[in-house]
C-alpha atoms as a PDB file:
ATOM      1  CA  MET A   1      14.675  -9.266  75.287  1.00  0.00           C
ATOM      2  CA  THR A   2      11.754 -11.445  76.325  1.00  0.00           C
ATOM      3  CA  ASN A   3       9.327 -10.023  73.708  1.00  0.00           C
ATOM      4  CA  GLY A   4       6.866  -9.209  76.594  1.00  0.00           C
ATOM      5  CA  LYS A   5       6.649 -12.801  77.773  1.00  0.00           C
ATOM      6  CA  ARG A   6       7.099 -13.186  81.569  1.00  0.00           C
ATOM      7  CA  CYS A   7       6.430 -16.026  83.922  1.00  0.00           C
ATOM      8  CA  MET A   8       4.421 -15.571  87.122  1.00  0.00           C
ATOM      9  CA  VAL A   9       7.547 -15.587  89.240  1.00  0.00           C
ATOM     10  CA  CYS A  10       9.107 -12.767  87.101  1.00  0.00           C
ATOM     11  CA  LYS A  11       5.841 -10.753  87.412  1.00  0.00           C
ATOM     12  CA  PHE A  12       5.789 -11.306  91.149  1.00  0.00           C
ATOM     13  CA  VAL A  13       9.460 -10.251  91.523  1.00  0.00           C
ATOM     14  CA  GLY A  14       8.726  -7.156  89.387  1.00  0.00           C
ATOM     15  CA  LEU A  15       5.806  -6.246  91.676  1.00  0.00           C
ATOM     16  CA  LEU A  16       7.900  -6.663  94.779  1.00  0.00           C
ATOM     17  CA  VAL A  17      10.718  -4.503  93.414  1.00  0.00           C
ATOM     18  CA  ILE A  18       8.186  -1.809  92.518  1.00  0.00           C
ATOM     19  CA  LEU A  19       6.617  -1.908  96.001  1.00  0.00           C
ATOM     20  CA  GLY A  20      10.032  -1.615  97.535  1.00  0.00           C
ATOM     21  CA  ALA A  21      10.981   1.300  95.336  1.00  0.00           C
ATOM     22  CA  VAL A  22       7.762   3.086  96.173  1.00  0.00           C
ATOM     23  CA  ASN A  23       8.323   2.503  99.870  1.00  0.00           C
ATOM     24  CA  TRP A  24      11.918   3.857  99.697  1.00  0.00           C
ATOM     25  CA  GLY A  25      10.599   6.842  97.673  1.00  0.00           C
ATOM     26  CA  LEU A  26       8.151   7.623 100.448  1.00  0.00           C
ATOM     27  CA  VAL A  27      10.792   7.303 103.109  1.00  0.00           C
ATOM     28  CA  GLY A  28      13.100   9.680 101.153  1.00  0.00           C
ATOM     29  CA  ILE A  29      10.515  12.318 100.337  1.00  0.00           C
ATOM     30  CA  PHE A  30       8.073  12.205 103.206  1.00  0.00           C
ATOM     31  CA  GLN A  31       9.825  10.181 105.822  1.00  0.00           C
ATOM     32  CA  ILE A  32       6.995   7.658 105.831  1.00  0.00           C
ATOM     33  CA  ASP A  33       7.854   3.900 105.952  1.00  0.00           C
ATOM     34  CA  LEU A  34       4.760   2.006 104.992  1.00  0.00           C
ATOM     35  CA  VAL A  35       6.143  -1.354 106.150  1.00  0.00           C
ATOM     36  CA  GLU A  36       6.900   0.130 109.556  1.00  0.00           C
ATOM     37  CA  LYS A  37       3.442   1.763 109.736  1.00  0.00           C
ATOM     38  CA  LEU A  38       1.675  -1.482 108.787  1.00  0.00           C
ATOM     39  CA  LEU A  39       3.708  -4.102 110.579  1.00  0.00           C
ATOM     40  CA  GLY A  40       5.672  -2.268 113.348  1.00  0.00           C
ATOM     41  CA  ASP A  41       9.292  -1.162 113.785  1.00  0.00           C
ATOM     42  CA  MET A  42      11.449  -4.212 112.821  1.00  0.00           C
ATOM     43  CA  THR A  43       8.982  -6.834 114.003  1.00  0.00           C
ATOM     44  CA  GLY A  44       9.425 -10.297 112.625  1.00  0.00           C
ATOM     45  CA  ALA A  45       6.785  -9.689 109.976  1.00  0.00           C
ATOM     46  CA  ALA A  46       8.485  -6.424 108.944  1.00  0.00           C
ATOM     47  CA  ARG A  47      11.929  -8.038 108.761  1.00  0.00           C
ATOM     48  CA  ALA A  48      10.425 -10.833 106.649  1.00  0.00           C
ATOM     49  CA  VAL A  49       8.857  -8.275 104.154  1.00  0.00           C
ATOM     50  CA  TYR A  50      12.152  -6.414 103.919  1.00  0.00           C
ATOM     51  CA  GLY A  51      14.041  -9.763 103.361  1.00  0.00           C
ATOM     52  CA  VAL A  52      11.479 -10.887 100.646  1.00  0.00           C
ATOM     53  CA  ILE A  53      11.772  -7.560  98.861  1.00  0.00           C
ATOM     54  CA  GLY A  54      15.592  -7.691  99.053  1.00  0.00           C
ATOM     55  CA  VAL A  55      15.656 -11.132  97.512  1.00  0.00           C
ATOM     56  CA  ALA A  56      13.367  -9.850  94.843  1.00  0.00           C
ATOM     57  CA  GLY A  57      15.850  -7.103  94.091  1.00  0.00           C
ATOM     58  CA  VAL A  58      18.702  -9.649  93.722  1.00  0.00           C
ATOM     59  CA  LEU A  59      16.520 -11.686  91.385  1.00  0.00           C
ATOM     60  CA  ALA A  60      15.727  -8.529  89.313  1.00  0.00           C
ATOM     61  CA  ILE A  61      19.493  -7.803  89.034  1.00  0.00           C
ATOM     62  CA  LEU A  62      20.058 -11.375  87.882  1.00  0.00           C
ATOM     63  CA  ALA A  63      17.190 -11.075  85.369  1.00  0.00           C
ATOM     64  CA  MET A  64      19.110  -8.136  83.729  1.00  0.00           C
ATOM     65  CA  VAL A  65      21.966 -10.514  82.728  1.00  0.00           C
ATOM     66  CA  LYS A  66      20.284 -13.884  82.420  1.00  0.00           C
ATOM     67  CA  CYS A  67      17.084 -15.081  80.724  1.00  0.00           C
ATOM     68  CA  CYS A  68      14.278 -16.504  82.705  1.00  0.00           C
ATOM     69  CA  PRO A  69      14.080 -20.337  81.998  1.00  0.00           C
ATOM     70  CA  CYS A  70      10.413 -20.045  81.530  1.00  0.00           C
ATOM     71  CA  THR A  71      10.894 -17.942  78.473  1.00  0.00           C
ATOM     72  CA  ARG A  72      13.564 -20.098  76.838  1.00  0.00           C
ATOM     73  CA  GLY A  73      14.248 -19.370  73.236  1.00  0.00           C
ATOM     74  CA  THR A  74      13.028 -15.762  73.382  1.00  0.00           C
ATOM     75  CA  CYS A  75      16.102 -14.016  74.790  1.00  0.00           C
ATOM     76  CA  GLU A  76      18.689 -15.236  72.314  1.00  0.00           C
ATOM     77  CA  LYS A  77      19.760 -12.711  69.769  1.00  0.00           C
ATOM     78  CA  LYS A  78      18.663 -13.518  66.221  1.00  0.00           C
ATOM     79  CA  PRO A  79      21.473 -13.255  63.590  1.00  0.00           C
END
């Protein structure tokens, strides 16, 4: 565990993952895609947002198995 310490990149990735999850929840429940409503249907900007959120998801998966280098020394298990 990181004992609550997170770098700004980790916080930003977490925020993007939450926003992506909320968007997909709205799509699933109400059929409302906020990215599409705000930026248009698969415009360059919308594709960029989806891409950035996708990369954030991959980084979040990696964070589940690897410590953030910014919090070095806080993830190792203590004997």
